[in-house]
Amino acid sequence: MAHPRPCGSACTCVYCFARKTHSYLDLDTGLGFDTQIVVKVNAPEVLRRQLASRRWQGDHVAMGTNVDCYQRAEGRYRLMPGIISALTEHANPFSILTKGTLILRDLDLLVRAAQVTDVGISVSVGFLDAELWRTVEPGTPPPERRLDVVRALGEHGIGCGVLMAPVIPFLSDHPAQLRATVRAIAAAGATSVTPLTLHLRPGAREWFMAWLGRHHPHLVRRYERLYAEGAYAPKWYQRRITRQVHELAEEYGIGPTRAGLARRIRPAEPPAVAEPTQLTLM
């Protein structure tokens, strides 16, 4: 039910794995991905029909897993308020993964939803390096702004996890960088942190490697070796990053995300009332 495809509209992560999906519409996965966007303007209406169907079993709805539902186009089309409202009316559990700060526009709707169903929110923050952010994630809010989202959600009773993604080999994976990022995530009040190393699927791989050749040509051969077996970094590398981040998370008082983690705001328990006691006259 994600509506815009792809992230496009000046929100063009160089490494975005959704680039390949642009080819499904016979569109270019490189420059075309960066300049063309398809919007499903009837998404709220379609969702309402599906939720009202007798065949719908109330399954969890995950948004933002392929494309960001709070990219810039959402500011114009305003589809998410209708989607969140429909899910709330049916008390249907859902989750959102985003890099966008626009989610705070719908904070009241999310609080209302969390009072009747499980709502899981995760924000993607892979690193803090400002120069790396400007070149590899152009058009996205700065990492610090995304951490402000985590903080604001927590202040309103909605626990928010952080997907620490991507950890970019040789550019954001130094132990000091990992420590600084996890420390900032913890300071923002994140309920969890889950690291994910960069993966380069077809479509994204070609575009990323071209970017790497322009900005960090000395790393091209290292990447060719590291990703020689396919889209994913070797297991030993993934395990190393995961172990380091989890150890740092434990040090700073947060833990790894569990599958399906969601949060519902539950009403406060009423204060206990003592049973009346019969006093004895002495």
Protein backbone atom coordinates (compact mmCIF):
# COMPACT_ATOMS: atom_id res chain seq x y z
CA MET A 1 0.00 0.00 0.00
CA ALA A 2 3.02 2.25 -0.24
CA HIS A 3 2.00 5.02 -2.58
CA PRO A 4 4.87 6.95 -4.13
CA ARG A 5 7.31 4.96 -6.20
CA PRO A 6 10.20 5.45 -6.09
CA CYS A 7 11.67 7.81 -3.50
CA GLY A 8 12.45 10.30 -6.29
CA SER A 9 11.44 13.94 -6.11
CA ALA A 10 14.84 15.11 -4.82
CA CYS A 11 15.01 12.31 -2.24
CA THR A 12 17.41 10.04 -4.06
CA CYS A 13 19.63 7.80 -1.97
CA VAL A 14 22.46 6.58 -4.19
CA TYR A 15 22.27 3.08 -2.73
CA CYS A 16 18.45 2.71 -2.75
CA PHE A 17 17.51 -0.91 -3.43
CA ALA A 18 14.12 0.23 -4.78
CA ARG A 19 15.82 1.50 -7.94
CA LYS A 20 15.24 -1.85 -9.61
CA THR A 21 11.46 -1.52 -9.17
CA HIS A 22 11.51 1.49 -11.50
CA SER A 23 12.32 -0.88 -14.36
CA TYR A 24 8.98 -2.63 -13.82
CA LEU A 25 7.39 0.42 -15.44
CA ASP A 26 10.03 0.52 -18.20
CA LEU A 27 11.63 3.51 -16.50
CA ASP A 28 15.33 4.10 -15.96
CA THR A 29 16.79 2.98 -12.63
CA GLY A 30 19.42 5.71 -12.59
CA LEU A 31 18.62 9.26 -13.58
CA GLY A 32 15.00 8.33 -14.25
CA PHE A 33 14.66 7.09 -10.69
CA ASP A 34 16.02 10.41 -9.48
CA THR A 35 13.65 12.56 -11.56
CA GLN A 36 10.42 10.61 -12.14
CA ILE A 37 7.87 9.56 -9.56
CA VAL A 38 4.63 7.58 -9.67
CA VAL A 39 1.98 8.36 -7.05
CA LYS A 40 -0.93 6.09 -6.18
CA VAL A 41 -3.31 8.93 -5.37
CA ASN A 42 -6.19 6.58 -4.50
CA ALA A 43 -4.24 4.61 -1.90
CA PRO A 44 -6.46 5.59 1.08
CA GLU A 45 -9.64 4.64 -0.77
CA VAL A 46 -8.21 1.31 -1.91
CA LEU A 47 -7.08 0.56 1.62
CA ARG A 48 -10.50 1.31 3.08
CA ARG A 49 -12.12 -1.12 0.66
CA GLN A 50 -9.64 -3.83 1.55
CA LEU A 51 -10.03 -3.33 5.27
CA ALA A 52 -13.81 -3.52 4.92
CA SER A 53 -13.65 -6.75 2.95
CA ARG A 54 -14.80 -9.91 4.70
CA ARG A 55 -11.67 -11.60 3.39
CA TRP A 56 -9.40 -9.23 5.29
CA GLN A 57 -8.07 -10.92 8.43
CA GLY A 58 -6.56 -7.91 10.13
CA ASP A 59 -2.99 -8.69 9.15
CA HIS A 60 -0.20 -6.30 10.07
CA VAL A 61 0.37 -3.61 7.41
CA ALA A 62 4.03 -2.60 6.96
CA MET A 63 4.72 0.71 5.23
CA GLY A 64 8.06 2.06 4.10
CA THR A 65 9.70 -1.31 3.57
CA ASN A 66 10.34 -0.68 -0.13
CA VAL A 67 9.86 3.05 -0.54
CA ASP A 68 9.51 5.85 1.98
CA CYS A 69 5.89 6.85 2.55
CA TYR A 70 7.05 10.19 4.00
CA GLN A 71 9.18 11.34 1.11
CA ARG A 72 8.75 14.87 -0.21
CA ALA A 73 5.84 14.03 -2.50
CA GLU A 74 3.75 13.19 0.56
CA GLY A 75 3.84 16.86 1.51
CA ARG A 76 1.86 17.60 -1.63
CA TYR A 77 -0.43 14.58 -1.91
CA ARG A 78 -1.16 14.03 1.82
CA LEU A 79 -2.04 10.36 1.48
CA MET A 80 -0.81 9.13 4.85
CA PRO A 81 -3.46 10.86 7.01
CA GLY A 82 -6.16 8.94 5.16
CA ILE A 83 -4.21 5.71 5.40
CA ILE A 84 -3.53 6.05 9.13
CA SER A 85 -7.15 7.02 9.79
CA ALA A 86 -8.45 3.99 7.91
CA LEU A 87 -6.17 1.65 9.84
CA THR A 88 -7.21 3.29 13.12
CA GLU A 89 -10.92 2.94 12.38
CA HIS A 90 -10.40 -0.80 11.91
CA ALA A 91 -7.93 -1.09 14.80
CA ASN A 92 -5.58 -2.74 12.32
CA PRO A 93 -1.93 -3.06 13.44
CA PHE A 94 0.66 -1.34 11.29
CA SER A 95 4.25 -0.16 11.18
CA ILE A 96 6.11 2.61 9.43
CA LEU A 97 9.77 2.86 8.46
CA THR A 98 10.92 6.28 7.30
CA LYS A 99 13.79 8.68 6.81
CA GLY A 100 11.35 11.59 6.67
CA THR A 101 10.58 14.15 9.33
CA LEU A 102 7.17 14.73 7.73
CA ILE A 103 5.85 11.91 9.90
CA LEU A 104 5.59 14.46 12.74
CA ARG A 105 2.82 16.19 10.80
CA ASP A 106 0.71 13.11 11.56
CA LEU A 107 1.77 12.78 15.19
CA ASP A 108 -1.75 13.27 16.57
CA LEU A 109 -3.07 10.59 14.22
CA LEU A 110 -0.35 8.17 15.28
CA VAL A 111 -1.05 8.77 18.97
CA ARG A 112 -4.74 8.11 18.35
CA ALA A 113 -3.93 4.93 16.41
CA ALA A 114 -1.63 3.68 19.15
CA GLN A 115 -4.50 3.88 21.62
CA VAL A 116 -6.45 1.22 19.74
CA THR A 117 -3.89 -0.97 17.98
CA ASP A 118 -0.20 -1.88 17.80
CA VAL A 119 1.83 0.78 16.03
CA GLY A 120 5.48 0.21 15.28
CA ILE A 121 7.63 3.14 14.15
CA SER A 122 11.24 2.94 13.01
CA VAL A 123 13.45 5.71 11.68
CA SER A 124 16.42 5.00 9.43
CA VAL A 125 19.71 6.55 10.59
CA GLY A 126 22.80 4.78 9.30
CA PHE A 127 25.48 7.29 10.27
CA LEU A 128 26.08 10.87 11.42
CA ASP A 129 28.78 12.00 8.96
CA ALA A 130 27.41 15.22 7.40
CA GLU A 131 29.56 15.14 4.27
CA LEU A 132 28.71 11.52 3.56
CA TRP A 133 25.00 12.30 4.10
CA ARG A 134 25.09 15.17 1.59
CA THR A 135 26.54 13.02 -1.17
CA VAL A 136 24.96 9.62 -0.60
CA GLU A 137 21.49 10.64 0.69
CA PRO A 138 20.71 13.92 -1.11
CA GLY A 139 17.26 15.31 -0.42
CA THR A 140 16.75 13.45 2.84
CA PRO A 141 16.59 15.22 6.22
CA PRO A 142 19.92 15.33 8.10
CA PRO A 143 20.52 12.46 10.51
CA GLU A 144 20.14 14.79 13.50
CA ARG A 145 16.68 15.82 12.32
CA ARG A 146 15.66 12.17 12.04
CA LEU A 147 16.82 11.59 15.60
CA ASP A 148 14.60 14.53 16.61
CA VAL A 149 11.71 12.47 15.22
CA VAL A 150 12.69 9.56 17.48
CA ARG A 151 12.77 11.91 20.44
CA ALA A 152 9.43 13.56 19.65
CA LEU A 153 7.64 10.23 19.19
CA GLY A 154 8.99 8.98 22.50
CA GLU A 155 7.84 12.12 24.27
CA HIS A 156 4.31 11.37 23.03
CA GLY A 157 4.35 7.79 24.27
CA ILE A 158 5.21 6.07 20.99
CA GLY A 159 8.34 3.99 21.27
CA CYS A 160 10.52 4.38 18.20
CA GLY A 161 13.29 2.08 17.03
CA VAL A 162 16.17 2.97 14.75
CA LEU A 163 17.20 0.98 11.72
CA MET A 164 20.91 1.78 11.55
CA ALA A 165 21.05 1.43 7.80
CA PRO A 166 22.98 1.30 5.79
CA VAL A 167 26.33 0.87 7.44
CA ILE A 168 28.54 1.68 4.45
CA PRO A 169 31.80 -0.29 4.27
CA PHE A 170 34.96 1.80 4.66
CA LEU A 171 32.94 5.03 4.87
CA SER A 172 30.77 4.73 8.01
CA ASP A 173 31.94 1.51 9.66
CA HIS A 174 34.96 2.69 11.68
CA PRO A 175 34.51 1.76 15.37
CA ALA A 176 34.54 5.43 16.37
CA GLN A 177 31.81 6.19 13.82
CA LEU A 178 29.68 3.30 15.01
CA ARG A 179 30.08 4.40 18.60
CA ALA A 180 29.11 8.00 17.85
CA THR A 181 26.02 6.89 15.93
CA VAL A 182 24.80 4.44 18.58
CA ARG A 183 25.45 7.00 21.31
CA ALA A 184 23.32 9.57 19.47
CA ILE A 185 20.58 7.00 18.88
CA ALA A 186 20.50 6.19 22.58
CA ALA A 187 20.45 9.87 23.52
CA ALA A 188 17.39 10.34 21.31
CA GLY A 189 15.54 7.73 23.37
CA ALA A 190 15.31 4.97 20.77
CA THR A 191 13.79 1.75 22.04
CA SER A 192 16.01 -0.38 19.80
CA VAL A 193 18.75 -0.23 17.20
CA THR A 194 19.15 -2.71 14.36
CA PRO A 195 22.22 -2.48 12.11
CA LEU A 196 22.01 -3.34 8.43
CA THR A 197 25.04 -3.29 6.17
CA LEU A 198 24.87 -1.88 2.67
CA HIS A 199 23.52 -4.26 0.04
CA LEU A 200 23.80 -3.60 -3.67
CA ARG A 201 21.10 -5.22 -5.75
CA PRO A 202 21.00 -4.89 -9.53
CA GLY A 203 19.98 -1.37 -10.47
CA ALA A 204 21.35 0.10 -7.27
CA ARG A 205 24.74 -1.58 -7.64
CA GLU A 206 25.57 0.08 -10.96
CA TRP A 207 24.46 3.52 -9.77
CA PHE A 208 26.29 3.24 -6.44
CA MET A 209 29.52 2.01 -8.03
CA ALA A 210 29.45 4.94 -10.48
CA TRP A 211 29.00 7.29 -7.51
CA LEU A 212 31.84 5.57 -5.67
CA GLY A 213 34.13 6.00 -8.68
CA ARG A 214 33.46 9.75 -8.68
CA HIS A 215 33.68 10.40 -4.95
CA HIS A 216 35.91 7.63 -3.57
CA PRO A 217 37.78 6.04 -6.50
CA HIS A 218 40.34 4.46 -4.17
CA LEU A 219 37.56 2.24 -2.75
CA VAL A 220 36.29 0.80 -6.04
CA ARG A 221 38.56 -2.25 -6.03
CA ARG A 222 37.84 -2.94 -2.36
CA TYR A 223 34.11 -2.91 -3.08
CA GLU A 224 34.52 -5.18 -6.07
CA ARG A 225 36.24 -7.69 -3.81
CA LEU A 226 33.84 -7.27 -0.88
CA TYR A 227 30.75 -7.69 -3.08
CA ALA A 228 32.23 -10.20 -5.48
CA GLU A 229 29.72 -12.89 -4.45
CA GLY A 230 26.59 -10.83 -5.05
CA ALA A 231 24.40 -8.12 -3.55
CA TYR A 232 25.36 -8.66 0.08
CA ALA A 233 28.56 -8.14 1.98
CA PRO A 234 30.16 -11.38 3.25
CA LYS A 235 28.65 -12.98 6.34
CA TRP A 236 31.81 -12.37 8.34
CA TYR A 237 31.54 -8.65 7.69
CA GLN A 238 27.83 -8.51 8.53
CA ARG A 239 28.41 -10.45 11.75
CA ARG A 240 31.24 -8.12 12.76
CA ILE A 241 29.13 -4.99 12.30
CA THR A 242 26.13 -6.55 14.06
CA ARG A 243 28.25 -7.63 17.02
CA GLN A 244 29.87 -4.20 17.37
CA VAL A 245 26.55 -2.35 17.23
CA HIS A 246 24.82 -4.70 19.64
CA GLU A 247 27.68 -4.39 22.13
CA LEU A 248 27.50 -0.60 21.89
CA ALA A 249 23.71 -0.70 22.21
CA GLU A 250 24.02 -2.73 25.39
CA GLU A 251 26.60 -0.28 26.71
CA TYR A 252 24.28 2.66 26.07
CA GLY A 253 21.18 0.91 27.39
CA ILE A 254 19.29 -0.05 24.25
CA GLY A 255 18.78 -3.42 22.59
CA PRO A 256 18.32 -4.98 19.14
CA THR A 257 14.92 -4.92 17.51
CA ARG A 258 12.83 -8.04 17.83
CA ALA A 259 10.86 -9.19 14.80
CA GLY A 260 7.44 -7.60 14.72
CA LEU A 261 8.17 -5.16 17.52
CA ALA A 262 5.26 -2.79 17.91
CA ARG A 263 3.99 -0.44 20.58
CA ARG A 264 0.52 0.35 21.77
CA ILE A 265 -0.16 3.22 24.10
CA ARG A 266 -2.04 1.71 26.97
CA PRO A 267 -4.12 3.76 29.40
CA ALA A 268 -2.53 4.34 32.74
CA GLU A 269 -3.65 1.97 35.45
CA PRO A 270 -5.98 3.66 37.93
CA PRO A 271 -4.46 4.12 41.37
CA ALA A 272 -5.08 1.24 43.69
CA VAL A 273 -7.83 1.88 46.20
CA ALA A 274 -7.31 0.38 49.61
CA GLU A 275 -10.05 -1.86 50.90
CA PRO A 276 -12.04 -0.27 53.74
CA THR A 277 -10.74 -1.35 57.12
CA GLN A 278 -12.89 -1.75 60.25
CA LEU A 279 -11.21 0.12 63.04
CA THR A 280 -11.30 -1.42 66.52
CA LEU A 281 -12.14 0.74 69.50
CA MET A 282 -9.79 0.21 72.36
